Amino acid sequence: MPGTIAVIEDDPALRRVLVRGLEAVDFQIVWAVHDGASALGRVAAVAARPDALVLDLGLPDMDGMDVVSALRDRGVEAPVLVLTARDALPDRLRCFARGADDYLTKPFAFAELAARLDVLVRRRRPDAGGKAIALDPLRFRLGSGGTAVPLSPTEYRLLATLLVRRGEVVRRETLVCSAWPPGAIVRENTLDSYVTRLRRALRMAAVDARLDTVRGIGYRLN
């Protein structure tokens, strides 16, 4: 079940896209601001604290990494997903060291952003019983309890897309667009092969999930 999200992004056009896109997949945007000072002011009110935050590093008043540190210093435990054009490994490692929970580089697939946020939000919620799916975006692993099953990056993106739309039929072309680069030629049996691998991974992880084929349309994660 999607939760509440705060957006910290200085580009007004991208900020609008993020807000509208996340609301379209049932996340609730509690606030969206353009700079670090505004974000820190908002989280000062506990009632305004979201389930997760989307944070751009290139803010006009302060570096996004400093915002992450300030959030943690103020006791904000909500997971932070960093969204940035910086793709160098040292930048990613510094973000994680400061307290960020996930890192996605621009340009990005919106389905992947939504899926990663869904995973971050669900991790904070108490387990309602059974073994829920838990995705590790840093190591591309599927886990449940103490079990961790490795996934390829393509398998991870496919499962993340299915997970954020769990219970819905996801068309084959949607899955291809979310898991492969633009313009990639993906044969029908290639997608089927990856789905077979995902089913095997779900069984190995012993999670409460079933990946069904909807003939002629796509797949549904139940």
C-alpha atoms as a PDB file:
ATOM      1  CA  MET A   1       0.000   0.000   0.000  1.00  0.00           C
ATOM      2  CA  PRO A   2       1.599   3.331  -1.022  1.00  0.00           C
ATOM      3  CA  GLY A   3       2.333   5.832   1.711  1.00  0.00           C
ATOM      4  CA  THR A   4       3.134   9.505   2.221  1.00  0.00           C
ATOM      5  CA  ILE A   5       6.022  11.124   0.356  1.00  0.00           C
ATOM      6  CA  ALA A   6       7.853  14.456   0.576  1.00  0.00           C
ATOM      7  CA  VAL A   7       9.685  15.838  -2.453  1.00  0.00           C
ATOM      8  CA  ILE A   8      12.735  18.123  -2.285  1.00  0.00           C
ATOM      9  CA  GLU A   9      13.612  19.159  -5.842  1.00  0.00           C
ATOM     10  CA  ASP A  10      14.700  22.581  -7.082  1.00  0.00           C
ATOM     11  CA  ASP A  11      13.639  22.124 -10.726  1.00  0.00           C
ATOM     12  CA  PRO A  12       9.962  23.215 -10.790  1.00  0.00           C
ATOM     13  CA  ALA A  13       9.106  21.182 -13.883  1.00  0.00           C
ATOM     14  CA  LEU A  14      10.587  17.978 -12.481  1.00  0.00           C
ATOM     15  CA  ARG A  15       9.018  18.671  -9.102  1.00  0.00           C
ATOM     16  CA  ARG A  16       5.580  18.840 -10.737  1.00  0.00           C
ATOM     17  CA  VAL A  17       6.264  15.629 -12.666  1.00  0.00           C
ATOM     18  CA  LEU A  18       7.270  13.850  -9.471  1.00  0.00           C
ATOM     19  CA  VAL A  19       4.216  15.043  -7.561  1.00  0.00           C
ATOM     20  CA  ARG A  20       1.733  14.189 -10.299  1.00  0.00           C
ATOM     21  CA  GLY A  21       3.374  10.889 -11.146  1.00  0.00           C
ATOM     22  CA  LEU A  22       3.542   9.664  -7.566  1.00  0.00           C
ATOM     23  CA  GLU A  23      -0.032  10.729  -6.891  1.00  0.00           C
ATOM     24  CA  ALA A  24      -1.084   8.805 -10.004  1.00  0.00           C
ATOM     25  CA  VAL A  25       0.200   5.582  -8.413  1.00  0.00           C
ATOM     26  CA  ASP A  26      -1.573   6.369  -5.123  1.00  0.00           C
ATOM     27  CA  PHE A  27       1.216   7.909  -3.066  1.00  0.00           C
ATOM     28  CA  GLN A  28       0.134  10.921  -1.006  1.00  0.00           C
ATOM     29  CA  ILE A  29       2.415  13.950  -1.331  1.00  0.00           C
ATOM     30  CA  VAL A  30       2.486  15.706   2.045  1.00  0.00           C
ATOM     31  CA  TRP A  31       4.701  18.541   0.809  1.00  0.00           C
ATOM     32  CA  ALA A  32       7.033  19.451  -2.052  1.00  0.00           C
ATOM     33  CA  VAL A  33       9.692  22.158  -1.707  1.00  0.00           C
ATOM     34  CA  HIS A  34      12.581  23.577  -3.729  1.00  0.00           C
ATOM     35  CA  ASP A  35      15.372  23.941  -1.167  1.00  0.00           C
ATOM     36  CA  GLY A  36      16.969  22.392   1.893  1.00  0.00           C
ATOM     37  CA  ALA A  37      15.962  25.067   4.398  1.00  0.00           C
ATOM     38  CA  SER A  38      12.286  24.673   3.513  1.00  0.00           C
ATOM     39  CA  ALA A  39      12.541  20.907   3.879  1.00  0.00           C
ATOM     40  CA  LEU A  40      14.164  21.119   7.303  1.00  0.00           C
ATOM     41  CA  GLY A  41      11.520  23.611   8.367  1.00  0.00           C
ATOM     42  CA  ARG A  42       8.743  21.253   7.309  1.00  0.00           C
ATOM     43  CA  VAL A  43      10.115  18.212   9.131  1.00  0.00           C
ATOM     44  CA  ALA A  44      10.373  20.250  12.330  1.00  0.00           C
ATOM     45  CA  ALA A  45       6.652  19.551  12.654  1.00  0.00           C
ATOM     46  CA  VAL A  46       6.392  15.841  13.458  1.00  0.00           C
ATOM     47  CA  ALA A  47       2.899  15.700  11.947  1.00  0.00           C
ATOM     48  CA  ALA A  48       4.365  16.724   8.585  1.00  0.00           C
ATOM     49  CA  ARG A  49       6.928  13.927   8.501  1.00  0.00           C
ATOM     50  CA  PRO A  50       6.348  11.563   5.579  1.00  0.00           C
ATOM     51  CA  ASP A  51       6.908   7.829   5.210  1.00  0.00           C
ATOM     52  CA  ALA A  52       9.763   8.563   2.769  1.00  0.00           C
ATOM     53  CA  LEU A  53      11.512  11.490   1.091  1.00  0.00           C
ATOM     54  CA  VAL A  54      12.739  12.056  -2.462  1.00  0.00           C
ATOM     55  CA  LEU A  55      15.750  14.377  -2.357  1.00  0.00           C
ATOM     56  CA  ASP A  56      17.724  16.053  -5.131  1.00  0.00           C
ATOM     57  CA  LEU A  57      21.384  16.687  -4.286  1.00  0.00           C
ATOM     58  CA  GLY A  58      21.747  19.894  -6.311  1.00  0.00           C
ATOM     59  CA  LEU A  59      19.708  22.300  -4.192  1.00  0.00           C
ATOM     60  CA  PRO A  60      20.149  26.096  -4.448  1.00  0.00           C
ATOM     61  CA  ASP A  61      20.933  26.757  -0.773  1.00  0.00           C
ATOM     62  CA  MET A  62      22.800  23.667   0.438  1.00  0.00           C
ATOM     63  CA  ASP A  63      24.115  20.336  -0.728  1.00  0.00           C
ATOM     64  CA  GLY A  64      21.595  17.529  -0.547  1.00  0.00           C
ATOM     65  CA  MET A  65      24.059  15.422   1.445  1.00  0.00           C
ATOM     66  CA  ASP A  66      23.982  18.069   4.167  1.00  0.00           C
ATOM     67  CA  VAL A  67      20.187  17.856   4.154  1.00  0.00           C
ATOM     68  CA  VAL A  68      20.386  14.096   4.744  1.00  0.00           C
ATOM     69  CA  SER A  69      22.782  14.618   7.667  1.00  0.00           C
ATOM     70  CA  ALA A  70      20.547  17.321   9.160  1.00  0.00           C
ATOM     71  CA  LEU A  71      17.481  15.104   8.871  1.00  0.00           C
ATOM     72  CA  ARG A  72      19.207  12.302  10.759  1.00  0.00           C
ATOM     73  CA  ASP A  73      20.562  14.717  13.384  1.00  0.00           C
ATOM     74  CA  ARG A  74      16.996  15.903  14.002  1.00  0.00           C
ATOM     75  CA  GLY A  75      15.712  12.386  14.539  1.00  0.00           C
ATOM     76  CA  VAL A  76      13.953  11.983  11.202  1.00  0.00           C
ATOM     77  CA  GLU A  77      14.055   8.237  10.539  1.00  0.00           C
ATOM     78  CA  ALA A  78      12.031   8.223   7.313  1.00  0.00           C
ATOM     79  CA  PRO A  79      14.009   6.669   4.447  1.00  0.00           C
ATOM     80  CA  VAL A  80      15.573   9.055   1.946  1.00  0.00           C
ATOM     81  CA  LEU A  81      15.826   8.278  -1.757  1.00  0.00           C
ATOM     82  CA  VAL A  82      18.422  10.489  -3.419  1.00  0.00           C
ATOM     83  CA  LEU A  83      17.572  11.531  -6.974  1.00  0.00           C
ATOM     84  CA  THR A  84      20.463  13.138  -8.845  1.00  0.00           C
ATOM     85  CA  ALA A  85      22.489  13.392 -12.019  1.00  0.00           C
ATOM     86  CA  ARG A  86      25.663  12.554 -10.083  1.00  0.00           C
ATOM     87  CA  ASP A  87      26.486   8.964 -10.947  1.00  0.00           C
ATOM     88  CA  ALA A  88      30.040   8.615  -9.613  1.00  0.00           C
ATOM     89  CA  LEU A  89      30.586   5.853  -7.068  1.00  0.00           C
ATOM     90  CA  PRO A  90      32.187   8.201  -4.477  1.00  0.00           C
ATOM     91  CA  ASP A  91      29.033  10.360  -4.506  1.00  0.00           C
ATOM     92  CA  ARG A  92      26.835   7.328  -3.909  1.00  0.00           C
ATOM     93  CA  LEU A  93      29.021   6.064  -1.090  1.00  0.00           C
ATOM     94  CA  ARG A  94      29.058   9.482   0.598  1.00  0.00           C
ATOM     95  CA  CYS A  95      25.264   9.632   0.451  1.00  0.00           C
ATOM     96  CA  PHE A  96      24.913   6.246   2.107  1.00  0.00           C
ATOM     97  CA  ALA A  97      27.479   7.216   4.735  1.00  0.00           C
ATOM     98  CA  ARG A  98      25.448  10.356   5.524  1.00  0.00           C
ATOM     99  CA  GLY A  99      22.269   8.322   6.032  1.00  0.00           C
ATOM    100  CA  ALA A 100      20.559   8.008   2.638  1.00  0.00           C
ATOM    101  CA  ASP A 101      18.707   4.751   2.012  1.00  0.00           C
ATOM    102  CA  ASP A 102      18.620   4.581  -1.783  1.00  0.00           C
ATOM    103  CA  TYR A 103      20.114   6.371  -4.785  1.00  0.00           C
ATOM    104  CA  LEU A 104      18.688   6.774  -8.286  1.00  0.00           C
ATOM    105  CA  THR A 105      20.429   8.650 -11.091  1.00  0.00           C
ATOM    106  CA  LYS A 106      18.783  10.897 -13.677  1.00  0.00           C
ATOM    107  CA  PRO A 107      17.425  10.177 -16.197  1.00  0.00           C
ATOM    108  CA  PHE A 108      15.367   7.471 -14.545  1.00  0.00           C
ATOM    109  CA  ALA A 109      12.404   5.222 -15.281  1.00  0.00           C
ATOM    110  CA  PHE A 110       9.441   6.478 -13.249  1.00  0.00           C
ATOM    111  CA  ALA A 111       8.236   2.923 -12.597  1.00  0.00           C
ATOM    112  CA  GLU A 112      11.561   2.166 -10.937  1.00  0.00           C
ATOM    113  CA  LEU A 113      11.354   5.280  -8.757  1.00  0.00           C
ATOM    114  CA  ALA A 114       7.845   4.344  -7.619  1.00  0.00           C
ATOM    115  CA  ALA A 115       8.892   0.752  -6.966  1.00  0.00           C
ATOM    116  CA  ARG A 116      11.903   1.785  -4.904  1.00  0.00           C
ATOM    117  CA  LEU A 117       9.758   4.143  -2.815  1.00  0.00           C
ATOM    118  CA  ASP A 118       7.193   1.404  -2.306  1.00  0.00           C
ATOM    119  CA  VAL A 119       9.928  -0.891  -0.987  1.00  0.00           C
ATOM    120  CA  LEU A 120      11.290   1.798   1.352  1.00  0.00           C
ATOM    121  CA  VAL A 121       7.837   2.577   2.749  1.00  0.00           C
ATOM    122  CA  ARG A 122       6.901  -1.058   3.320  1.00  0.00           C
ATOM    123  CA  ARG A 123      10.172  -1.780   5.109  1.00  0.00           C
ATOM    124  CA  ARG A 124       9.166   0.657   7.859  1.00  0.00           C
ATOM    125  CA  ARG A 125       5.792  -0.933   8.458  1.00  0.00           C
ATOM    126  CA  PRO A 126       5.269  -3.749  10.945  1.00  0.00           C
ATOM    127  CA  ASP A 127       5.109  -7.194   9.376  1.00  0.00           C
ATOM    128  CA  ALA A 128       1.466  -8.239   9.246  1.00  0.00           C
ATOM    129  CA  GLY A 129       2.421 -11.914   9.264  1.00  0.00           C
ATOM    130  CA  GLY A 130       3.761 -14.154   6.566  1.00  0.00           C
ATOM    131  CA  LYS A 131       6.836 -13.404   4.543  1.00  0.00           C
ATOM    132  CA  ALA A 132       6.549 -10.160   2.619  1.00  0.00           C
ATOM    133  CA  ILE A 133       8.721  -9.356  -0.374  1.00  0.00           C
ATOM    134  CA  ALA A 134      11.730  -7.210   0.474  1.00  0.00           C
ATOM    135  CA  LEU A 135      13.968  -5.890  -2.300  1.00  0.00           C
ATOM    136  CA  ASP A 136      17.527  -4.759  -1.657  1.00  0.00           C
ATOM    137  CA  PRO A 137      18.205  -2.022  -4.259  1.00  0.00           C
ATOM    138  CA  LEU A 138      21.901  -1.820  -3.423  1.00  0.00           C
ATOM    139  CA  ARG A 139      22.777  -5.463  -3.971  1.00  0.00           C
ATOM    140  CA  PHE A 140      19.924  -6.492  -6.308  1.00  0.00           C
ATOM    141  CA  ARG A 141      18.586  -9.114  -3.914  1.00  0.00           C
ATOM    142  CA  LEU A 142      15.167 -10.467  -3.067  1.00  0.00           C
ATOM    143  CA  GLY A 143      14.760 -11.268   0.590  1.00  0.00           C
ATOM    144  CA  SER A 144      12.388 -12.464   3.267  1.00  0.00           C
ATOM    145  CA  GLY A 145      13.475 -12.819   6.853  1.00  0.00           C
ATOM    146  CA  GLY A 146      16.986 -14.234   6.786  1.00  0.00           C
ATOM    147  CA  THR A 147      16.745 -15.432   3.187  1.00  0.00           C
ATOM    148  CA  ALA A 148      18.426 -13.449   0.407  1.00  0.00           C
ATOM    149  CA  VAL A 149      18.168 -14.499  -3.234  1.00  0.00           C
ATOM    150  CA  PRO A 150      20.392 -12.684  -5.762  1.00  0.00           C
ATOM    151  CA  LEU A 151      18.758 -11.101  -8.812  1.00  0.00           C
ATOM    152  CA  SER A 152      20.233  -9.722 -12.001  1.00  0.00           C
ATOM    153  CA  PRO A 153      19.635  -5.977 -12.560  1.00  0.00           C
ATOM    154  CA  THR A 154      17.025  -6.833 -15.216  1.00  0.00           C
ATOM    155  CA  GLU A 155      15.242  -9.273 -12.897  1.00  0.00           C
ATOM    156  CA  TYR A 156      15.289  -6.652 -10.164  1.00  0.00           C
ATOM    157  CA  ARG A 157      13.709  -3.987 -12.391  1.00  0.00           C
ATOM    158  CA  LEU A 158      11.020  -6.404 -13.583  1.00  0.00           C
ATOM    159  CA  LEU A 159      10.102  -7.431 -10.053  1.00  0.00           C
ATOM    160  CA  ALA A 160      10.159  -3.828  -8.819  1.00  0.00           C
ATOM    161  CA  THR A 161       7.711  -2.824 -11.559  1.00  0.00           C
ATOM    162  CA  LEU A 162       5.395  -5.730 -10.753  1.00  0.00           C
ATOM    163  CA  LEU A 163       5.623  -5.026  -7.040  1.00  0.00           C
ATOM    164  CA  VAL A 164       4.600  -1.373  -7.234  1.00  0.00           C
ATOM    165  CA  ARG A 165       1.508  -2.474  -9.199  1.00  0.00           C
ATOM    166  CA  ARG A 166       0.854  -5.608  -7.196  1.00  0.00           C
ATOM    167  CA  GLY A 167      -2.553  -7.098  -7.884  1.00  0.00           C
ATOM    168  CA  GLU A 168      -2.789  -5.365 -11.272  1.00  0.00           C
ATOM    169  CA  VAL A 169      -2.116  -6.775 -14.715  1.00  0.00           C
ATOM    170  CA  VAL A 170       1.092  -5.255 -16.083  1.00  0.00           C
ATOM    171  CA  ARG A 171       1.334  -5.351 -19.852  1.00  0.00           C
ATOM    172  CA  ARG A 172       4.307  -7.011 -21.506  1.00  0.00           C
ATOM    173  CA  GLU A 173       5.380  -3.805 -23.235  1.00  0.00           C
ATOM    174  CA  THR A 174       5.335  -1.953 -19.902  1.00  0.00           C
ATOM    175  CA  LEU A 175       7.646  -4.537 -18.380  1.00  0.00           C
ATOM    176  CA  VAL A 176      10.014  -4.379 -21.334  1.00  0.00           C
ATOM    177  CA  CYS A 177      10.189  -0.567 -21.156  1.00  0.00           C
ATOM    178  CA  SER A 178      10.876  -0.641 -17.408  1.00  0.00           C
ATOM    179  CA  ALA A 179      13.573  -3.319 -17.475  1.00  0.00           C
ATOM    180  CA  TRP A 180      15.508  -2.776 -20.712  1.00  0.00           C
ATOM    181  CA  PRO A 181      17.168   0.326 -22.201  1.00  0.00           C
ATOM    182  CA  PRO A 182      15.195   2.404 -24.744  1.00  0.00           C
ATOM    183  CA  GLY A 183      15.384   0.896 -28.211  1.00  0.00           C
ATOM    184  CA  ALA A 184      16.448  -2.538 -26.983  1.00  0.00           C
ATOM    185  CA  ILE A 185      15.123  -5.427 -29.072  1.00  0.00           C
ATOM    186  CA  VAL A 186      13.559  -7.873 -26.626  1.00  0.00           C
ATOM    187  CA  ARG A 187      12.093 -11.063 -28.017  1.00  0.00           C
ATOM    188  CA  GLU A 188       8.872 -12.409 -26.544  1.00  0.00           C
ATOM    189  CA  ASN A 189      10.535 -15.539 -25.221  1.00  0.00           C
ATOM    190  CA  THR A 190      13.254 -13.431 -23.568  1.00  0.00           C
ATOM    191  CA  LEU A 191      10.707 -11.784 -21.269  1.00  0.00           C
ATOM    192  CA  ASP A 192       9.110 -15.177 -20.606  1.00  0.00           C
ATOM    193  CA  SER A 193      12.501 -16.560 -19.627  1.00  0.00           C
ATOM    194  CA  TYR A 194      13.067 -13.762 -17.127  1.00  0.00           C
ATOM    195  CA  VAL A 195       9.618 -14.312 -15.630  1.00  0.00           C
ATOM    196  CA  THR A 196      10.469 -17.986 -15.167  1.00  0.00           C
ATOM    197  CA  ARG A 197      13.611 -16.954 -13.287  1.00  0.00           C
ATOM    198  CA  LEU A 198      11.604 -14.573 -11.111  1.00  0.00           C
ATOM    199  CA  ARG A 199       9.161 -17.329 -10.203  1.00  0.00           C
ATOM    200  CA  ARG A 200      12.088 -19.508  -9.181  1.00  0.00           C
ATOM    201  CA  ALA A 201      13.526 -16.676  -7.078  1.00  0.00           C
ATOM    202  CA  LEU A 202      10.170 -16.100  -5.358  1.00  0.00           C
ATOM    203  CA  ARG A 203       9.991 -19.793  -4.468  1.00  0.00           C
ATOM    204  CA  MET A 204      13.560 -19.789  -3.159  1.00  0.00           C
ATOM    205  CA  ALA A 205      12.840 -16.750  -0.989  1.00  0.00           C
ATOM    206  CA  ALA A 206       9.630 -18.414   0.278  1.00  0.00           C
ATOM    207  CA  VAL A 207       7.690 -15.146   0.071  1.00  0.00           C
ATOM    208  CA  ASP A 208       3.922 -14.762   0.046  1.00  0.00           C
ATOM    209  CA  ALA A 209       3.615 -13.973  -3.642  1.00  0.00           C
ATOM    210  CA  ARG A 210       2.571 -15.606  -6.888  1.00  0.00           C
ATOM    211  CA  LEU A 211       3.434 -14.400 -10.384  1.00  0.00           C
ATOM    212  CA  ASP A 212       0.586 -15.226 -12.761  1.00  0.00           C
ATOM    213  CA  THR A 213       0.458 -15.095 -16.548  1.00  0.00           C
ATOM    214  CA  VAL A 214      -2.470 -13.191 -18.030  1.00  0.00           C
ATOM    215  CA  ARG A 215      -2.606 -14.723 -21.470  1.00  0.00           C
ATOM    216  CA  GLY A 216      -2.191 -12.281 -24.336  1.00  0.00           C
ATOM    217  CA  ILE A 217      -1.675  -9.295 -22.034  1.00  0.00           C
ATOM    218  CA  GLY A 218       1.101  -9.640 -19.481  1.00  0.00           C
ATOM    219  CA  TYR A 219       1.681 -10.673 -15.880  1.00  0.00           C
ATOM    220  CA  ARG A 220       0.243 -10.027 -12.431  1.00  0.00           C
ATOM    221  CA  LEU A 221       1.974 -10.334  -9.063  1.00  0.00           C
ATOM    222  CA  ASN A 222      -0.485 -11.562  -6.438  1.00  0.00           C
END
